[in-house]
């Protein structure tokens, strides 16, 4: 097997690992709430600051960023979700659906995508134009890790016993 860094190798396995680790910290959060005797859904609306998005939105944005990334890089359509999750089980189903979707992409699907032009329209910064490499390394991965980290921090802030290895996952 080649050790060359390809767009597939830099995206799909990295995104899958981030989503898997996100699921792991969510599972620990849900278990924590049950052990402490309160409704786990309370955590889903928790946030670090009043002007931040809650935990549920952090998960939705992380999954959206991951699925849109491979779709845009492969010039295909991504599945759409309505962002209506209100339970941990619904978030797990979303994480599973996005992970299953990511697994449908092989090396060939992303071959040559490093030079593909990716244009995004944002609410705050207008139109952003990237080549595929810049999109993956300068937009997708930082955004996914931002939202996964924020989800981790929200749970940790709420007393969930999490450590760095929970964030890094079993392959660390």
C-alpha atoms as a PDB file:
ATOM      1  CA  UNK A   1       0.000   0.000   0.000  1.00  0.00           C
ATOM      2  CA  UNK A   2       1.278   3.427  -0.925  1.00  0.00           C
ATOM      3  CA  UNK A   3       2.009   5.895   1.840  1.00  0.00           C
ATOM      4  CA  UNK A   4       1.445   8.906  -0.403  1.00  0.00           C
ATOM      5  CA  UNK A   5      -0.927  11.481   0.995  1.00  0.00           C
ATOM      6  CA  UNK A   6      -3.973  11.590  -1.243  1.00  0.00           C
ATOM      7  CA  UNK A   7      -7.104  13.688  -0.971  1.00  0.00           C
ATOM      8  CA  UNK A   8      -9.000  10.582   0.100  1.00  0.00           C
ATOM      9  CA  UNK A   9      -6.464   9.657   2.762  1.00  0.00           C
ATOM     10  CA  UNK A  10      -6.397  13.261   4.040  1.00  0.00           C
ATOM     11  CA  UNK A  11     -10.176  13.512   4.224  1.00  0.00           C
ATOM     12  CA  UNK A  12     -12.321  10.387   4.577  1.00  0.00           C
ATOM     13  CA  UNK A  13     -10.398   8.523   7.325  1.00  0.00           C
ATOM     14  CA  UNK A  14      -9.728  11.781   9.199  1.00  0.00           C
ATOM     15  CA  UNK A  15     -13.388  12.805   9.078  1.00  0.00           C
ATOM     16  CA  UNK A  16     -14.549   9.313  10.058  1.00  0.00           C
ATOM     17  CA  UNK A  17     -12.251   9.314  13.058  1.00  0.00           C
ATOM     18  CA  UNK A  18     -13.431  12.759  14.172  1.00  0.00           C
ATOM     19  CA  UNK A  19     -17.088  11.714  13.908  1.00  0.00           C
ATOM     20  CA  UNK A  20     -16.425   8.421  15.693  1.00  0.00           C
ATOM     21  CA  UNK A  21     -14.673  10.241  18.523  1.00  0.00           C
ATOM     22  CA  UNK A  22     -17.518  12.772  18.655  1.00  0.00           C
ATOM     23  CA  UNK A  23     -19.972   9.911  19.051  1.00  0.00           C
ATOM     24  CA  UNK A  24     -17.831   8.508  21.860  1.00  0.00           C
ATOM     25  CA  UNK A  25     -17.866  11.761  23.860  1.00  0.00           C
ATOM     26  CA  UNK A  26     -21.619  12.112  23.283  1.00  0.00           C
ATOM     27  CA  UNK A  27     -22.153   8.589  24.616  1.00  0.00           C
ATOM     28  CA  UNK A  28     -20.165   9.496  27.710  1.00  0.00           C
ATOM     29  CA  UNK A  29     -22.255  12.651  28.089  1.00  0.00           C
ATOM     30  CA  UNK A  30     -25.516  10.751  27.846  1.00  0.00           C
ATOM     31  CA  UNK A  31     -24.305   8.150  30.360  1.00  0.00           C
ATOM     32  CA  UNK A  32     -23.191  10.922  32.727  1.00  0.00           C
ATOM     33  CA  UNK A  33     -26.637  12.544  32.668  1.00  0.00           C
ATOM     34  CA  UNK A  34     -28.342   9.217  33.353  1.00  0.00           C
ATOM     35  CA  UNK A  35     -25.942   8.435  36.216  1.00  0.00           C
ATOM     36  CA  UNK A  36     -26.615  11.862  37.754  1.00  0.00           C
ATOM     37  CA  UNK A  37     -30.370  11.417  37.350  1.00  0.00           C
ATOM     38  CA  UNK A  38     -31.269  14.162  34.910  1.00  0.00           C
ATOM     39  CA  UNK A  39     -32.725  14.132  31.418  1.00  0.00           C
ATOM     40  CA  UNK A  40     -29.824  13.720  28.929  1.00  0.00           C
ATOM     41  CA  UNK A  41     -31.505  16.063  26.422  1.00  0.00           C
ATOM     42  CA  UNK A  42     -30.672  18.941  28.787  1.00  0.00           C
ATOM     43  CA  UNK A  43     -27.059  18.577  27.681  1.00  0.00           C
ATOM     44  CA  UNK A  44     -28.043  18.966  24.031  1.00  0.00           C
ATOM     45  CA  UNK A  45     -29.091  22.565  24.657  1.00  0.00           C
ATOM     46  CA  UNK A  46     -26.032  23.372  26.769  1.00  0.00           C
ATOM     47  CA  UNK A  47     -23.513  25.909  25.563  1.00  0.00           C
ATOM     48  CA  UNK A  48     -20.307  27.464  26.834  1.00  0.00           C
ATOM     49  CA  UNK A  49     -21.525  31.048  26.488  1.00  0.00           C
ATOM     50  CA  UNK A  50     -24.935  32.632  25.887  1.00  0.00           C
ATOM     51  CA  UNK A  51     -24.039  33.664  22.343  1.00  0.00           C
ATOM     52  CA  UNK A  52     -22.696  30.242  21.323  1.00  0.00           C
ATOM     53  CA  UNK A  53     -24.567  27.499  19.535  1.00  0.00           C
ATOM     54  CA  UNK A  54     -25.681  24.596  21.760  1.00  0.00           C
ATOM     55  CA  UNK A  55     -24.254  21.086  21.729  1.00  0.00           C
ATOM     56  CA  UNK A  56     -26.856  19.759  19.288  1.00  0.00           C
ATOM     57  CA  UNK A  57     -25.881  22.395  16.692  1.00  0.00           C
ATOM     58  CA  UNK A  58     -22.177  21.618  17.164  1.00  0.00           C
ATOM     59  CA  UNK A  59     -22.903  18.014  16.149  1.00  0.00           C
ATOM     60  CA  UNK A  60     -25.122  19.058  13.249  1.00  0.00           C
ATOM     61  CA  UNK A  61     -22.505  21.442  11.883  1.00  0.00           C
ATOM     62  CA  UNK A  62     -19.658  18.935  12.278  1.00  0.00           C
ATOM     63  CA  UNK A  63     -21.628  16.310  10.357  1.00  0.00           C
ATOM     64  CA  UNK A  64     -22.743  18.785   7.698  1.00  0.00           C
ATOM     65  CA  UNK A  65     -19.185  19.973   7.160  1.00  0.00           C
ATOM     66  CA  UNK A  66     -17.936  16.390   6.797  1.00  0.00           C
ATOM     67  CA  UNK A  67     -20.597  15.241   4.327  1.00  0.00           C
ATOM     68  CA  UNK A  68     -20.509  18.408   2.249  1.00  0.00           C
ATOM     69  CA  UNK A  69     -16.710  18.169   2.083  1.00  0.00           C
ATOM     70  CA  UNK A  70     -16.573  14.830   0.294  1.00  0.00           C
ATOM     71  CA  UNK A  71     -19.545  15.731  -1.876  1.00  0.00           C
ATOM     72  CA  UNK A  72     -17.959  18.982  -3.025  1.00  0.00           C
ATOM     73  CA  UNK A  73     -14.564  17.388  -3.532  1.00  0.00           C
ATOM     74  CA  UNK A  74     -16.102  14.623  -5.631  1.00  0.00           C
ATOM     75  CA  UNK A  75     -18.520  16.987  -7.436  1.00  0.00           C
ATOM     76  CA  UNK A  76     -21.553  15.024  -6.226  1.00  0.00           C
ATOM     77  CA  UNK A  77     -24.679  15.862  -4.250  1.00  0.00           C
ATOM     78  CA  UNK A  78     -24.690  15.365  -0.504  1.00  0.00           C
ATOM     79  CA  UNK A  79     -27.627  14.011   1.460  1.00  0.00           C
ATOM     80  CA  UNK A  80     -29.554  16.722   3.308  1.00  0.00           C
ATOM     81  CA  UNK A  81     -30.706  16.659   6.911  1.00  0.00           C
ATOM     82  CA  UNK A  82     -33.385  18.856   8.465  1.00  0.00           C
ATOM     83  CA  UNK A  83     -31.508  19.615  11.720  1.00  0.00           C
ATOM     84  CA  UNK A  84     -34.396  18.436  13.895  1.00  0.00           C
ATOM     85  CA  UNK A  85     -32.531  16.183  16.313  1.00  0.00           C
ATOM     86  CA  UNK A  86     -33.659  16.501  19.939  1.00  0.00           C
ATOM     87  CA  UNK A  87     -32.222  13.310  21.469  1.00  0.00           C
ATOM     88  CA  UNK A  88     -28.885  11.589  21.712  1.00  0.00           C
ATOM     89  CA  UNK A  89     -30.272   8.642  19.732  1.00  0.00           C
ATOM     90  CA  UNK A  90     -31.188  10.992  16.885  1.00  0.00           C
ATOM     91  CA  UNK A  91     -27.684  12.461  16.930  1.00  0.00           C
ATOM     92  CA  UNK A  92     -26.162   8.963  16.908  1.00  0.00           C
ATOM     93  CA  UNK A  93     -28.314   8.118  13.884  1.00  0.00           C
ATOM     94  CA  UNK A  94     -27.102  11.271  12.139  1.00  0.00           C
ATOM     95  CA  UNK A  95     -23.470  10.474  12.928  1.00  0.00           C
ATOM     96  CA  UNK A  96     -23.966   6.914  11.661  1.00  0.00           C
ATOM     97  CA  UNK A  97     -25.648   8.109   8.447  1.00  0.00           C
ATOM     98  CA  UNK A  98     -22.846  10.562   7.682  1.00  0.00           C
ATOM     99  CA  UNK A  99     -20.171   7.985   8.502  1.00  0.00           C
ATOM    100  CA  UNK A 100     -21.872   5.455   6.221  1.00  0.00           C
ATOM    101  CA  UNK A 101     -22.021   8.105   3.488  1.00  0.00           C
ATOM    102  CA  UNK A 102     -18.322   8.936   3.863  1.00  0.00           C
ATOM    103  CA  UNK A 103     -17.452   5.240   3.518  1.00  0.00           C
ATOM    104  CA  UNK A 104     -18.997   5.210   0.029  1.00  0.00           C
ATOM    105  CA  UNK A 105     -16.080   7.305  -1.266  1.00  0.00           C
ATOM    106  CA  UNK A 106     -12.953   5.569  -2.450  1.00  0.00           C
ATOM    107  CA  UNK A 107      -9.625   6.878  -3.730  1.00  0.00           C
ATOM    108  CA  UNK A 108     -10.935   7.230  -7.269  1.00  0.00           C
ATOM    109  CA  UNK A 109     -13.879   9.393  -6.205  1.00  0.00           C
ATOM    110  CA  UNK A 110     -11.545  12.090  -4.865  1.00  0.00           C
ATOM    111  CA  UNK A 111      -8.684  11.705  -7.309  1.00  0.00           C
ATOM    112  CA  UNK A 112      -7.754  15.066  -8.806  1.00  0.00           C
ATOM    113  CA  UNK A 113      -9.971  16.971  -6.370  1.00  0.00           C
ATOM    114  CA  UNK A 114      -7.024  18.932  -4.977  1.00  0.00           C
ATOM    115  CA  UNK A 115      -7.354  21.257  -7.999  1.00  0.00           C
ATOM    116  CA  UNK A 116     -11.170  21.354  -8.179  1.00  0.00           C
ATOM    117  CA  UNK A 117     -12.628  24.822  -7.630  1.00  0.00           C
ATOM    118  CA  UNK A 118     -14.912  24.912  -4.608  1.00  0.00           C
ATOM    119  CA  UNK A 119     -17.103  27.976  -4.107  1.00  0.00           C
ATOM    120  CA  UNK A 120     -19.044  28.531  -0.881  1.00  0.00           C
ATOM    121  CA  UNK A 121     -21.481  31.288  -0.071  1.00  0.00           C
ATOM    122  CA  UNK A 122     -21.332  32.239   3.589  1.00  0.00           C
ATOM    123  CA  UNK A 123     -23.596  34.461   5.664  1.00  0.00           C
ATOM    124  CA  UNK A 124     -20.808  36.538   7.137  1.00  0.00           C
ATOM    125  CA  UNK A 125     -17.949  36.461   4.639  1.00  0.00           C
ATOM    126  CA  UNK A 126     -19.748  36.337   1.318  1.00  0.00           C
ATOM    127  CA  UNK A 127     -18.408  34.062  -1.389  1.00  0.00           C
ATOM    128  CA  UNK A 128     -15.305  32.021  -0.640  1.00  0.00           C
ATOM    129  CA  UNK A 129     -13.394  30.349  -3.460  1.00  0.00           C
ATOM    130  CA  UNK A 130     -10.884  27.570  -2.828  1.00  0.00           C
ATOM    131  CA  UNK A 131      -9.031  24.926  -4.722  1.00  0.00           C
ATOM    132  CA  UNK A 132      -9.810  21.482  -3.310  1.00  0.00           C
ATOM    133  CA  UNK A 133      -6.605  21.304  -1.300  1.00  0.00           C
ATOM    134  CA  UNK A 134      -7.179  24.708   0.272  1.00  0.00           C
ATOM    135  CA  UNK A 135     -10.813  23.837   0.946  1.00  0.00           C
ATOM    136  CA  UNK A 136      -9.905  20.610   2.742  1.00  0.00           C
ATOM    137  CA  UNK A 137      -6.978  21.918   4.783  1.00  0.00           C
ATOM    138  CA  UNK A 138      -8.028  25.528   5.269  1.00  0.00           C
ATOM    139  CA  UNK A 139     -11.781  25.190   5.737  1.00  0.00           C
ATOM    140  CA  UNK A 140     -13.130  21.664   6.228  1.00  0.00           C
ATOM    141  CA  UNK A 141     -10.703  20.159   8.722  1.00  0.00           C
ATOM    142  CA  UNK A 142     -10.426  23.277  10.914  1.00  0.00           C
ATOM    143  CA  UNK A 143     -14.231  23.578  10.995  1.00  0.00           C
ATOM    144  CA  UNK A 144     -14.858  19.932  11.816  1.00  0.00           C
ATOM    145  CA  UNK A 145     -12.284  19.986  14.591  1.00  0.00           C
ATOM    146  CA  UNK A 146     -13.622  23.295  15.923  1.00  0.00           C
ATOM    147  CA  UNK A 147     -17.124  21.868  16.304  1.00  0.00           C
ATOM    148  CA  UNK A 148     -15.948  18.513  17.678  1.00  0.00           C
ATOM    149  CA  UNK A 149     -13.739  20.340  20.182  1.00  0.00           C
ATOM    150  CA  UNK A 150     -16.574  22.662  21.159  1.00  0.00           C
ATOM    151  CA  UNK A 151     -18.904  19.679  21.701  1.00  0.00           C
ATOM    152  CA  UNK A 152     -16.222  18.091  23.890  1.00  0.00           C
ATOM    153  CA  UNK A 153     -15.794  21.346  25.826  1.00  0.00           C
ATOM    154  CA  UNK A 154     -19.542  21.759  26.389  1.00  0.00           C
ATOM    155  CA  UNK A 155     -19.755  18.260  27.828  1.00  0.00           C
ATOM    156  CA  UNK A 156     -16.632  18.724  29.925  1.00  0.00           C
ATOM    157  CA  UNK A 157     -17.964  22.048  31.208  1.00  0.00           C
ATOM    158  CA  UNK A 158     -21.107  20.202  32.310  1.00  0.00           C
ATOM    159  CA  UNK A 159     -19.137  17.775  34.447  1.00  0.00           C
ATOM    160  CA  UNK A 160     -18.740  14.869  32.050  1.00  0.00           C
ATOM    161  CA  UNK A 161     -15.533  13.008  32.908  1.00  0.00           C
ATOM    162  CA  UNK A 162     -13.666  13.352  29.625  1.00  0.00           C
ATOM    163  CA  UNK A 163      -9.959  13.425  28.956  1.00  0.00           C
ATOM    164  CA  UNK A 164      -7.722  14.032  26.001  1.00  0.00           C
ATOM    165  CA  UNK A 165      -7.779  10.363  25.004  1.00  0.00           C
ATOM    166  CA  UNK A 166     -11.579  10.515  24.707  1.00  0.00           C
ATOM    167  CA  UNK A 167     -11.126  13.333  22.189  1.00  0.00           C
ATOM    168  CA  UNK A 168      -8.256  11.634  20.350  1.00  0.00           C
ATOM    169  CA  UNK A 169      -9.945   8.238  20.249  1.00  0.00           C
ATOM    170  CA  UNK A 170      -8.721   4.664  20.500  1.00  0.00           C
ATOM    171  CA  UNK A 171      -6.147   4.992  17.714  1.00  0.00           C
ATOM    172  CA  UNK A 172      -4.143   7.686  19.537  1.00  0.00           C
END
